[in-house]
C-alpha atoms as a PDB file:
ATOM      1  CA  MET A   1      -0.052  -0.015  -0.018  1.00  0.00           C
ATOM      2  CA  THR A   2       0.989   3.740  -0.299  1.00  0.00           C
ATOM      3  CA  ALA A   3       3.123   4.946   2.658  1.00  0.00           C
ATOM      4  CA  ALA A   4       0.712   6.666   5.039  1.00  0.00           C
ATOM      5  CA  VAL A   5       0.426   8.289   8.315  1.00  0.00           C
ATOM      6  CA  LEU A   6      -0.907   6.060  11.135  1.00  0.00           C
ATOM      7  CA  VAL A   7      -3.238   7.467  13.748  1.00  0.00           C
ATOM      8  CA  THR A   8      -3.979   5.057  16.798  1.00  0.00           C
ATOM      9  CA  GLY A   9      -7.228   5.870  18.872  1.00  0.00           C
ATOM     10  CA  ALA A  10      -8.641   7.371  15.644  1.00  0.00           C
ATOM     11  CA  ALA A  11     -12.161   6.495  16.700  1.00  0.00           C
ATOM     12  CA  GLY A  12     -12.120   8.888  19.695  1.00  0.00           C
ATOM     13  CA  PHE A  13     -12.619  12.583  20.375  1.00  0.00           C
ATOM     14  CA  VAL A  14      -9.236  13.842  19.500  1.00  0.00           C
ATOM     15  CA  GLY A  15      -8.639  11.185  16.888  1.00  0.00           C
ATOM     16  CA  SER A  16     -11.611  12.320  14.851  1.00  0.00           C
ATOM     17  CA  HIS A  17     -10.341  15.927  14.761  1.00  0.00           C
ATOM     18  CA  LEU A  18      -6.922  14.777  13.861  1.00  0.00           C
ATOM     19  CA  LEU A  19      -8.102  12.813  10.940  1.00  0.00           C
ATOM     20  CA  ASP A  20     -10.130  15.928   9.769  1.00  0.00           C
ATOM     21  CA  ALA A  21      -7.072  18.269   9.859  1.00  0.00           C
ATOM     22  CA  LEU A  22      -4.886  15.490   8.172  1.00  0.00           C
ATOM     23  CA  ARG A  23      -7.273  14.805   5.163  1.00  0.00           C
ATOM     24  CA  GLN A  24      -7.543  18.659   4.736  1.00  0.00           C
ATOM     25  CA  GLN A  25      -3.895  18.437   3.911  1.00  0.00           C
ATOM     26  CA  ASN A  26      -4.687  15.407   1.601  1.00  0.00           C
ATOM     27  CA  THR A  27      -2.529  13.194   3.829  1.00  0.00           C
ATOM     28  CA  PRO A  28      -2.922   9.485   3.294  1.00  0.00           C
ATOM     29  CA  VAL A  29      -4.029   8.067   6.681  1.00  0.00           C
ATOM     30  CA  VAL A  30      -4.508   4.527   8.229  1.00  0.00           C
ATOM     31  CA  ALA A  31      -6.863   4.903  11.257  1.00  0.00           C
ATOM     32  CA  TRP A  32      -6.702   2.207  13.760  1.00  0.00           C
ATOM     33  CA  ARG A  33      -9.859   1.599  16.021  1.00  0.00           C
ATOM     34  CA  ARG A  34     -10.416  -0.715  18.843  1.00  0.00           C
ATOM     35  CA  PRO A  35     -12.293  -4.015  17.521  1.00  0.00           C
ATOM     36  CA  GLY A  36     -16.087  -3.177  17.763  1.00  0.00           C
ATOM     37  CA  ARG A  37     -15.827   0.398  18.339  1.00  0.00           C
ATOM     38  CA  PRO A  38     -17.402   2.552  15.496  1.00  0.00           C
ATOM     39  CA  PRO A  39     -15.819   5.907  14.651  1.00  0.00           C
ATOM     40  CA  ALA A  40     -16.946   9.087  16.375  1.00  0.00           C
ATOM     41  CA  HIS A  41     -17.245  10.927  13.055  1.00  0.00           C
ATOM     42  CA  SER A  42     -17.426   9.904   9.371  1.00  0.00           C
ATOM     43  CA  ILE A  43     -14.283  10.855   7.408  1.00  0.00           C
ATOM     44  CA  ALA A  44     -13.871  10.204   3.803  1.00  0.00           C
ATOM     45  CA  ASP A  45     -10.665   8.589   2.138  1.00  0.00           C
ATOM     46  CA  VAL A  46      -9.367   7.064   5.316  1.00  0.00           C
ATOM     47  CA  ARG A  47      -8.446   3.491   5.673  1.00  0.00           C
ATOM     48  CA  TRP A  48      -9.908   1.934   8.786  1.00  0.00           C
ATOM     49  CA  MET A  49      -8.383  -0.972  10.462  1.00  0.00           C
ATOM     50  CA  GLU A  50      -9.546  -2.797  13.579  1.00  0.00           C
ATOM     51  CA  VAL A  51      -6.508  -3.456  15.928  1.00  0.00           C
ATOM     52  CA  ASP A  52      -6.325  -4.294  19.348  1.00  0.00           C
ATOM     53  CA  LEU A  53      -3.313  -2.643  20.876  1.00  0.00           C
ATOM     54  CA  LEU A  54      -2.944  -5.236  23.519  1.00  0.00           C
ATOM     55  CA  ASP A  55      -2.612  -7.936  21.017  1.00  0.00           C
ATOM     56  CA  ARG A  56       1.097  -7.913  20.228  1.00  0.00           C
ATOM     57  CA  PRO A  57       1.270  -9.991  17.253  1.00  0.00           C
ATOM     58  CA  ALA A  58      -1.632  -8.126  15.651  1.00  0.00           C
ATOM     59  CA  VAL A  59       0.091  -4.786  16.318  1.00  0.00           C
ATOM     60  CA  THR A  60       3.315  -6.125  14.883  1.00  0.00           C
ATOM     61  CA  SER A  61       1.565  -7.521  11.756  1.00  0.00           C
ATOM     62  CA  ALA A  62      -0.357  -4.468  11.026  1.00  0.00           C
ATOM     63  CA  LEU A  63       2.772  -2.261  11.337  1.00  0.00           C
ATOM     64  CA  GLY A  64       4.703  -4.431   8.835  1.00  0.00           C
ATOM     65  CA  GLU A  65       1.726  -4.056   6.465  1.00  0.00           C
ATOM     66  CA  ILE A  66       1.436  -0.340   6.738  1.00  0.00           C
ATOM     67  CA  LYS A  67       5.091   0.767   7.185  1.00  0.00           C
ATOM     68  CA  PRO A  68       3.827   4.176   8.374  1.00  0.00           C
ATOM     69  CA  THR A  69       5.745   7.378   7.593  1.00  0.00           C
ATOM     70  CA  ALA A  70       4.658   8.828  10.785  1.00  0.00           C
ATOM     71  CA  VAL A  71       2.619   7.832  13.846  1.00  0.00           C
ATOM     72  CA  TYR A  72       0.111   9.766  15.936  1.00  0.00           C
ATOM     73  CA  HIS A  73      -0.436   7.545  19.088  1.00  0.00           C
ATOM     74  CA  LEU A  74      -3.615   8.796  20.628  1.00  0.00           C
ATOM     75  CA  ALA A  75      -5.088   5.393  21.877  1.00  0.00           C
ATOM     76  CA  GLY A  76      -5.256   4.834  25.565  1.00  0.00           C
ATOM     77  CA  ALA A  77      -7.274   5.452  28.723  1.00  0.00           C
ATOM     78  CA  ALA A  78      -8.099   9.122  29.009  1.00  0.00           C
ATOM     79  CA  HIS A  79     -10.248   9.782  32.243  1.00  0.00           C
ATOM     80  CA  VAL A  80      -8.430  10.813  35.385  1.00  0.00           C
ATOM     81  CA  ALA A  81     -11.239  10.003  37.612  1.00  0.00           C
ATOM     82  CA  GLU A  82     -12.106   6.591  36.136  1.00  0.00           C
ATOM     83  CA  SER A  83      -8.364   5.528  36.339  1.00  0.00           C
ATOM     84  CA  TRP A  84      -8.832   4.954  40.173  1.00  0.00           C
ATOM     85  CA  LYS A  85     -11.710   2.420  39.447  1.00  0.00           C
ATOM     86  CA  HIS A  86      -9.928   0.835  36.505  1.00  0.00           C
ATOM     87  CA  VAL A  87      -6.303   0.812  37.254  1.00  0.00           C
ATOM     88  CA  ARG A  88      -5.237  -2.327  35.412  1.00  0.00           C
ATOM     89  CA  GLU A  89      -7.020  -1.215  32.330  1.00  0.00           C
ATOM     90  CA  THR A  90      -5.428   2.335  32.639  1.00  0.00           C
ATOM     91  CA  PHE A  91      -1.880   0.884  32.784  1.00  0.00           C
ATOM     92  CA  GLU A  92      -2.520  -1.606  29.968  1.00  0.00           C
ATOM     93  CA  GLY A  93      -4.009   0.828  27.749  1.00  0.00           C
ATOM     94  CA  ASN A  94      -1.407   3.637  28.270  1.00  0.00           C
ATOM     95  CA  VAL A  95       1.768   1.684  29.099  1.00  0.00           C
ATOM     96  CA  LEU A  96       1.546  -1.866  27.716  1.00  0.00           C
ATOM     97  CA  ALA A  97      -0.110  -0.620  24.421  1.00  0.00           C
ATOM     98  CA  THR A  98       2.626   1.862  23.948  1.00  0.00           C
ATOM     99  CA  HIS A  99       5.360  -0.773  24.571  1.00  0.00           C
ATOM    100  CA  TYR A 100       3.798  -3.041  21.876  1.00  0.00           C
ATOM    101  CA  LEU A 101       3.675  -0.145  19.402  1.00  0.00           C
ATOM    102  CA  PHE A 102       7.371   0.572  19.809  1.00  0.00           C
ATOM    103  CA  GLU A 103       8.170  -3.150  19.961  1.00  0.00           C
ATOM    104  CA  GLY A 104       6.334  -3.627  16.686  1.00  0.00           C
ATOM    105  CA  LEU A 105       8.270  -0.689  15.054  1.00  0.00           C
ATOM    106  CA  ARG A 106      11.586  -2.110  16.168  1.00  0.00           C
ATOM    107  CA  SER A 107      10.775  -5.689  14.811  1.00  0.00           C
ATOM    108  CA  HIS A 108      10.387  -4.188  11.402  1.00  0.00           C
ATOM    109  CA  ALA A 109      13.265  -1.774  11.662  1.00  0.00           C
ATOM    110  CA  LEU A 110      10.833   1.157  11.134  1.00  0.00           C
ATOM    111  CA  THR A 111      11.737   4.439  12.244  1.00  0.00           C
ATOM    112  CA  PRO A 112       8.859   6.954  11.627  1.00  0.00           C
ATOM    113  CA  ARG A 113       8.483   9.997  13.983  1.00  0.00           C
ATOM    114  CA  VAL A 114       6.060   8.841  16.643  1.00  0.00           C
ATOM    115  CA  LEU A 115       4.069  11.456  18.555  1.00  0.00           C
ATOM    116  CA  ILE A 116       2.831  10.332  21.958  1.00  0.00           C
ATOM    117  CA  ALA A 117      -0.134  11.956  23.472  1.00  0.00           C
ATOM    118  CA  CYS A 118       0.735  12.524  27.169  1.00  0.00           C
ATOM    119  CA  SER A 119      -0.720  14.747  29.871  1.00  0.00           C
ATOM    120  CA  ALA A 120      -0.140  17.762  31.966  1.00  0.00           C
ATOM    121  CA  HIS A 121      -1.253  15.735  34.877  1.00  0.00           C
ATOM    122  CA  VAL A 122       2.307  14.369  35.249  1.00  0.00           C
ATOM    123  CA  TYR A 123       3.205  17.734  36.797  1.00  0.00           C
ATOM    124  CA  ALA A 124       3.490  18.562  40.450  1.00  0.00           C
ATOM    125  CA  PRO A 125       0.820  21.385  41.229  1.00  0.00           C
ATOM    126  CA  GLN A 126       2.312  25.014  40.964  1.00  0.00           C
ATOM    127  CA  PRO A 127       0.532  28.311  41.679  1.00  0.00           C
ATOM    128  CA  ARG A 128       1.591  29.551  38.032  1.00  0.00           C
ATOM    129  CA  PRO A 129       1.749  28.308  34.532  1.00  0.00           C
ATOM    130  CA  LEU A 130       3.822  25.152  34.250  1.00  0.00           C
ATOM    131  CA  ARG A 131       7.030  24.905  32.242  1.00  0.00           C
ATOM    132  CA  GLU A 132       8.365  21.531  30.772  1.00  0.00           C
ATOM    133  CA  ASP A 133      11.270  21.618  33.289  1.00  0.00           C
ATOM    134  CA  ASP A 134       8.940  21.659  36.304  1.00  0.00           C
ATOM    135  CA  ASP A 135       8.923  18.971  39.018  1.00  0.00           C
ATOM    136  CA  LEU A 136       6.868  15.983  38.193  1.00  0.00           C
ATOM    137  CA  LYS A 137       4.422  14.229  40.688  1.00  0.00           C
ATOM    138  CA  PRO A 138       1.701  12.185  39.072  1.00  0.00           C
ATOM    139  CA  ALA A 139      -1.078  11.922  41.442  1.00  0.00           C
ATOM    140  CA  SER A 140      -3.462   9.353  39.903  1.00  0.00           C
ATOM    141  CA  PRO A 141      -3.068   6.036  38.126  1.00  0.00           C
ATOM    142  CA  TYR A 142      -3.879   7.995  34.864  1.00  0.00           C
ATOM    143  CA  ALA A 143      -1.111  10.452  35.415  1.00  0.00           C
ATOM    144  CA  THR A 144       1.454   7.754  36.574  1.00  0.00           C
ATOM    145  CA  SER A 145       0.593   5.567  33.379  1.00  0.00           C
ATOM    146  CA  LYS A 146       1.238   8.722  31.255  1.00  0.00           C
ATOM    147  CA  LEU A 147       4.643   9.420  32.888  1.00  0.00           C
ATOM    148  CA  ALA A 148       5.486   5.707  32.201  1.00  0.00           C
ATOM    149  CA  ALA A 149       4.591   6.102  28.545  1.00  0.00           C
ATOM    150  CA  GLU A 150       6.797   9.207  28.397  1.00  0.00           C
ATOM    151  CA  MET A 151       9.624   7.049  29.753  1.00  0.00           C
ATOM    152  CA  LEU A 152       9.115   4.484  27.128  1.00  0.00           C
ATOM    153  CA  ALA A 153       9.236   7.245  24.413  1.00  0.00           C
ATOM    154  CA  ILE A 154      12.441   8.636  25.821  1.00  0.00           C
ATOM    155  CA  ARG A 155      14.044   5.143  25.835  1.00  0.00           C
ATOM    156  CA  ALA A 156      12.986   4.526  22.256  1.00  0.00           C
ATOM    157  CA  TRP A 157      14.619   7.767  21.314  1.00  0.00           C
ATOM    158  CA  THR A 158      17.890   7.213  23.265  1.00  0.00           C
ATOM    159  CA  ASP A 159      18.436   3.526  22.871  1.00  0.00           C
ATOM    160  CA  ASP A 160      17.030   2.861  19.312  1.00  0.00           C
ATOM    161  CA  ALA A 161      17.111   6.356  17.592  1.00  0.00           C
ATOM    162  CA  LEU A 162      13.283   6.094  17.110  1.00  0.00           C
ATOM    163  CA  PRO A 163      12.165   9.711  16.846  1.00  0.00           C
ATOM    164  CA  THR A 164       9.550  10.179  19.563  1.00  0.00           C
ATOM    165  CA  LEU A 165       7.818  13.248  20.256  1.00  0.00           C
ATOM    166  CA  ILE A 166       6.128  13.890  23.630  1.00  0.00           C
ATOM    167  CA  ALA A 167       3.099  16.121  23.758  1.00  0.00           C
ATOM    168  CA  ARG A 168       1.948  17.051  27.290  1.00  0.00           C
ATOM    169  CA  ALA A 169      -1.441  18.053  26.559  1.00  0.00           C
ATOM    170  CA  PHE A 170      -3.543  20.298  28.941  1.00  0.00           C
ATOM    171  CA  ASN A 171      -7.328  20.154  28.980  1.00  0.00           C
ATOM    172  CA  HIS A 172      -8.818  20.319  25.467  1.00  0.00           C
ATOM    173  CA  VAL A 173     -12.476  20.688  24.613  1.00  0.00           C
ATOM    174  CA  GLY A 174     -14.816  20.875  21.719  1.00  0.00           C
ATOM    175  CA  PRO A 175     -17.543  18.900  19.697  1.00  0.00           C
ATOM    176  CA  ARG A 176     -17.679  15.233  19.928  1.00  0.00           C
ATOM    177  CA  GLN A 177     -16.088  15.049  23.622  1.00  0.00           C
ATOM    178  CA  ASP A 178     -17.825  12.403  25.815  1.00  0.00           C
ATOM    179  CA  PRO A 179     -20.075  14.181  28.166  1.00  0.00           C
ATOM    180  CA  SER A 180     -18.463  12.537  31.262  1.00  0.00           C
ATOM    181  CA  TYR A 181     -16.144  15.486  30.937  1.00  0.00           C
ATOM    182  CA  VAL A 182     -17.198  18.777  32.489  1.00  0.00           C
ATOM    183  CA  ALA A 183     -17.686  21.105  29.371  1.00  0.00           C
ATOM    184  CA  PRO A 184     -19.566  18.644  27.116  1.00  0.00           C
ATOM    185  CA  GLY A 185     -21.504  17.437  30.237  1.00  0.00           C
ATOM    186  CA  VAL A 186     -22.784  20.960  30.840  1.00  0.00           C
ATOM    187  CA  ALA A 187     -23.341  21.495  27.126  1.00  0.00           C
ATOM    188  CA  LYS A 188     -25.473  18.257  26.929  1.00  0.00           C
ATOM    189  CA  GLN A 189     -27.572  19.165  29.885  1.00  0.00           C
ATOM    190  CA  ILE A 190     -28.412  22.721  28.490  1.00  0.00           C
ATOM    191  CA  ALA A 191     -29.389  21.103  25.109  1.00  0.00           C
ATOM    192  CA  LEU A 192     -31.631  18.652  26.918  1.00  0.00           C
ATOM    193  CA  ILE A 193     -33.116  21.585  29.063  1.00  0.00           C
ATOM    194  CA  GLU A 194     -33.833  23.620  25.857  1.00  0.00           C
ATOM    195  CA  SER A 195     -35.515  20.760  24.225  1.00  0.00           C
ATOM    196  CA  ARG A 196     -37.712  20.264  27.338  1.00  0.00           C
ATOM    197  CA  ARG A 197     -36.544  16.696  27.936  1.00  0.00           C
ATOM    198  CA  CYS A 198     -35.323  17.430  31.575  1.00  0.00           C
ATOM    199  CA  GLU A 199     -35.993  19.800  34.210  1.00  0.00           C
ATOM    200  CA  PRO A 200     -34.404  23.256  33.907  1.00  0.00           C
ATOM    201  CA  VAL A 201     -31.824  22.414  36.655  1.00  0.00           C
ATOM    202  CA  LEU A 202     -28.176  22.144  35.827  1.00  0.00           C
ATOM    203  CA  THR A 203     -26.128  19.980  38.200  1.00  0.00           C
ATOM    204  CA  VAL A 204     -22.541  20.716  38.605  1.00  0.00           C
ATOM    205  CA  GLY A 205     -19.545  19.700  40.711  1.00  0.00           C
ATOM    206  CA  ASN A 206     -16.647  21.775  42.052  1.00  0.00           C
ATOM    207  CA  LEU A 207     -16.650  25.198  40.439  1.00  0.00           C
ATOM    208  CA  GLU A 208     -13.518  26.429  41.914  1.00  0.00           C
ATOM    209  CA  PRO A 209     -10.712  24.740  39.975  1.00  0.00           C
ATOM    210  CA  ARG A 210      -9.155  26.770  37.249  1.00  0.00           C
ATOM    211  CA  ARG A 211      -8.104  24.824  34.047  1.00  0.00           C
ATOM    212  CA  ASP A 212      -6.329  25.543  30.846  1.00  0.00           C
ATOM    213  CA  LEU A 213      -8.814  24.804  28.209  1.00  0.00           C
ATOM    214  CA  THR A 214      -7.591  24.660  24.623  1.00  0.00           C
ATOM    215  CA  ASP A 215      -9.923  23.955  21.663  1.00  0.00           C
ATOM    216  CA  VAL A 216      -9.279  20.383  20.470  1.00  0.00           C
ATOM    217  CA  ARG A 217      -8.894  21.608  16.863  1.00  0.00           C
ATOM    218  CA  ASP A 218      -5.895  23.913  18.109  1.00  0.00           C
ATOM    219  CA  THR A 219      -4.574  20.820  19.997  1.00  0.00           C
ATOM    220  CA  VAL A 220      -4.534  18.738  16.820  1.00  0.00           C
ATOM    221  CA  ARG A 221      -2.777  21.636  14.963  1.00  0.00           C
ATOM    222  CA  ALA A 222      -0.158  21.529  17.500  1.00  0.00           C
ATOM    223  CA  TYR A 223       0.336  17.694  17.177  1.00  0.00           C
ATOM    224  CA  ILE A 224       0.771  18.182  13.344  1.00  0.00           C
ATOM    225  CA  ALA A 225       3.318  21.147  14.050  1.00  0.00           C
ATOM    226  CA  MET A 226       5.115  18.871  16.402  1.00  0.00           C
ATOM    227  CA  MET A 227       5.299  16.058  13.984  1.00  0.00           C
ATOM    228  CA  GLU A 228       6.693  18.435  11.352  1.00  0.00           C
ATOM    229  CA  ARG A 229       9.188  20.522  13.604  1.00  0.00           C
ATOM    230  CA  ALA A 230       9.579  19.404  17.263  1.00  0.00           C
ATOM    231  CA  GLN A 231      12.711  17.783  18.551  1.00  0.00           C
ATOM    232  CA  PRO A 232      12.607  14.136  19.563  1.00  0.00           C
ATOM    233  CA  GLY A 233      12.902  12.853  23.082  1.00  0.00           C
ATOM    234  CA  ARG A 234      11.692  15.790  25.105  1.00  0.00           C
ATOM    235  CA  PRO A 235       8.287  17.214  26.167  1.00  0.00           C
ATOM    236  CA  TYR A 236       6.264  20.062  24.961  1.00  0.00           C
ATOM    237  CA  ASN A 237       3.350  21.602  26.503  1.00  0.00           C
ATOM    238  CA  VAL A 238       0.207  21.797  24.476  1.00  0.00           C
ATOM    239  CA  ALA A 239      -1.762  24.595  26.292  1.00  0.00           C
ATOM    240  CA  SER A 240      -3.562  27.887  25.764  1.00  0.00           C
ATOM    241  CA  GLY A 241      -1.547  29.568  28.506  1.00  0.00           C
ATOM    242  CA  ARG A 242      -4.935  30.743  29.975  1.00  0.00           C
ATOM    243  CA  ALA A 243      -6.732  29.532  33.085  1.00  0.00           C
ATOM    244  CA  ILE A 244     -10.509  29.547  33.273  1.00  0.00           C
ATOM    245  CA  ALA A 245     -12.466  28.623  36.498  1.00  0.00           C
ATOM    246  CA  ILE A 246     -15.034  25.883  35.936  1.00  0.00           C
ATOM    247  CA  GLY A 247     -17.573  28.335  37.408  1.00  0.00           C
ATOM    248  CA  GLU A 248     -16.712  30.844  34.564  1.00  0.00           C
ATOM    249  CA  LEU A 249     -17.196  27.971  32.022  1.00  0.00           C
ATOM    250  CA  VAL A 250     -20.464  27.098  33.520  1.00  0.00           C
ATOM    251  CA  GLU A 251     -21.751  30.685  33.483  1.00  0.00           C
ATOM    252  CA  ALA A 252     -20.504  31.235  29.950  1.00  0.00           C
ATOM    253  CA  LEU A 253     -22.444  28.149  28.672  1.00  0.00           C
ATOM    254  CA  VAL A 254     -25.598  29.079  30.762  1.00  0.00           C
ATOM    255  CA  ALA A 255     -25.640  32.513  29.314  1.00  0.00           C
ATOM    256  CA  ARG A 256     -25.884  30.973  25.854  1.00  0.00           C
ATOM    257  CA  ALA A 257     -28.715  28.807  26.758  1.00  0.00           C
ATOM    258  CA  ARG A 258     -32.217  29.652  25.104  1.00  0.00           C
ATOM    259  CA  CYS A 259     -34.243  29.283  28.213  1.00  0.00           C
ATOM    260  CA  GLU A 260     -33.857  29.762  32.097  1.00  0.00           C
ATOM    261  CA  VAL A 261     -31.480  27.419  33.753  1.00  0.00           C
ATOM    262  CA  ARG A 262     -30.876  27.104  37.320  1.00  0.00           C
ATOM    263  CA  VAL A 263     -27.385  25.843  38.458  1.00  0.00           C
ATOM    264  CA  VAL A 264     -27.239  23.540  41.445  1.00  0.00           C
ATOM    265  CA  GLN A 265     -24.144  21.985  42.971  1.00  0.00           C
ATOM    266  CA  ASP A 266     -24.139  18.156  43.320  1.00  0.00           C
ATOM    267  CA  ALA A 267     -22.001  16.849  46.267  1.00  0.00           C
ATOM    268  CA  THR A 268     -21.529  13.422  44.576  1.00  0.00           C
ATOM    269  CA  ARG A 269     -19.810  15.273  41.708  1.00  0.00           C
ATOM    270  CA  LEU A 270     -17.024  16.762  44.023  1.00  0.00           C
ATOM    271  CA  ARG A 271     -13.505  15.416  44.062  1.00  0.00           C
ATOM    272  CA  PRO A 272     -11.483  15.738  47.245  1.00  0.00           C
ATOM    273  CA  ASN A 273      -8.159  15.778  45.236  1.00  0.00           C
ATOM    274  CA  ASP A 274      -9.055  18.314  42.654  1.00  0.00           C
ATOM    275  CA  VAL A 275      -5.931  20.477  41.765  1.00  0.00           C
ATOM    276  CA  PRO A 276      -6.767  24.084  42.251  1.00  0.00           C
ATOM    277  CA  LEU A 277      -4.762  25.400  39.172  1.00  0.00           C
ATOM    278  CA  LEU A 278      -3.708  23.654  36.024  1.00  0.00           C
ATOM    279  CA  VAL A 279      -2.413  25.820  33.280  1.00  0.00           C
ATOM    280  CA  GLY A 280       0.739  25.642  31.228  1.00  0.00           C
ATOM    281  CA  GLU A 281       3.114  27.830  29.168  1.00  0.00           C
ATOM    282  CA  HIS A 282       3.547  27.087  25.531  1.00  0.00           C
ATOM    283  CA  ASP A 283       6.653  29.016  24.991  1.00  0.00           C
ATOM    284  CA  ARG A 284       8.839  25.907  23.714  1.00  0.00           C
ATOM    285  CA  LEU A 285       6.039  24.747  21.432  1.00  0.00           C
ATOM    286  CA  THR A 286       5.517  28.213  19.970  1.00  0.00           C
ATOM    287  CA  SER A 287       9.238  29.214  19.562  1.00  0.00           C
ATOM    288  CA  GLU A 288      10.230  25.846  17.935  1.00  0.00           C
ATOM    289  CA  THR A 289       7.193  25.092  15.757  1.00  0.00           C
ATOM    290  CA  GLY A 290       5.323  28.433  15.319  1.00  0.00           C
ATOM    291  CA  TRP A 291       2.198  27.027  16.707  1.00  0.00           C
ATOM    292  CA  GLU A 292      -0.127  29.314  18.665  1.00  0.00           C
ATOM    293  CA  PRO A 293      -3.739  28.803  19.769  1.00  0.00           C
ATOM    294  CA  ARG A 294      -6.088  30.508  17.275  1.00  0.00           C
ATOM    295  CA  ILE A 295      -9.614  29.611  18.230  1.00  0.00           C
ATOM    296  CA  PRO A 296     -11.267  32.084  20.694  1.00  0.00           C
ATOM    297  CA  PHE A 297     -12.796  30.419  23.804  1.00  0.00           C
ATOM    298  CA  GLU A 298     -16.283  31.845  22.850  1.00  0.00           C
ATOM    299  CA  GLN A 299     -16.144  30.136  19.544  1.00  0.00           C
ATOM    300  CA  THR A 300     -15.240  26.801  21.316  1.00  0.00           C
ATOM    301  CA  LEU A 301     -18.413  27.166  23.631  1.00  0.00           C
ATOM    302  CA  ASP A 302     -20.620  28.222  20.675  1.00  0.00           C
ATOM    303  CA  ASP A 303     -19.496  25.156  18.676  1.00  0.00           C
ATOM    304  CA  LEU A 304     -19.830  22.813  21.648  1.00  0.00           C
ATOM    305  CA  LEU A 305     -23.349  23.799  22.371  1.00  0.00           C
ATOM    306  CA  GLU A 306     -24.388  23.628  18.852  1.00  0.00           C
ATOM    307  CA  TYR A 307     -23.043  20.212  18.567  1.00  0.00           C
ATOM    308  CA  TRP A 308     -25.002  19.011  21.565  1.00  0.00           C
ATOM    309  CA  ARG A 309     -28.144  20.712  20.366  1.00  0.00           C
ATOM    310  CA  GLY A 310     -27.803  18.723  17.125  1.00  0.00           C
ATOM    311  CA  ARG A 311     -27.050  15.382  18.945  1.00  0.00           C
ATOM    312  CA  VAL A 312     -30.016  15.896  21.136  1.00  0.00           C
ATOM    313  CA  LYS A 313     -32.233  16.493  18.234  1.00  0.00           C
ATOM    314  CA  THR A 314     -30.756  13.596  16.083  1.00  0.00           C
ATOM    315  CA  ASP A 315     -30.971  11.084  19.053  1.00  0.00           C
ATOM    316  CA  GLY A 316     -34.589  11.931  19.458  1.00  0.00           C
END
């Protein structure tokens, strides 16, 4: 087959937006999805393959067939809170699957640039924007597994000259994101209230934490910029550089509602270990690749709410 870019986890939220961006560039793409999982979004001219990343022989065989020119490794467990309930699955999805990917590339002597989608949750909390050289202190199974994936990537570069790129992504939001996350969860509730399918009461958790919220479409542009220009073997923050309180996010979405909405805090949604501030500097990424966030926060919220209005209408 024609040499192509491989995207793992392509059926997910970020993967669907990355496929959109790559196809806009007319990049030949092979998209891996977990067996039995349908894509989150229909995209033309993408070759889909069902590959279980925990099946070592299947991973090795598929890599030998594709011989990718570049790999965006997005697959894995992505939910911090759920990682406490599913520790084994979190480490399998984020560490073992990454190990099998690198092992498969080595077995075929393939050396594409490989971007690993890691996380800002590896950092120790700081009362200021985080930099790549700040202390690391993962505080959840999810964060620990992501740091382990980073270590695998660094070893692949230093020991095997496999050019690995480490993207420490901060929170990213946008259309198609699962409603178990706060922004799409609020947007979905508002869409249901507007359609009169539930009472005009919006239930929320902790409104105090401040988070760096980047539009997912800016996030995938950052990944593409890293693939083209970043240096292997060291991390890059993918962040907006701006912190927004969860309460501000909720207020902004409620202000866009087409009907009256009452906000009520739900004690069952409170987390005892919420980090008060998680925001990052993107100076390294910007200076070395030219990337900067482009999409205004207001557009992100408008697009997110319109997406859920459409979903609620379509789902009936």
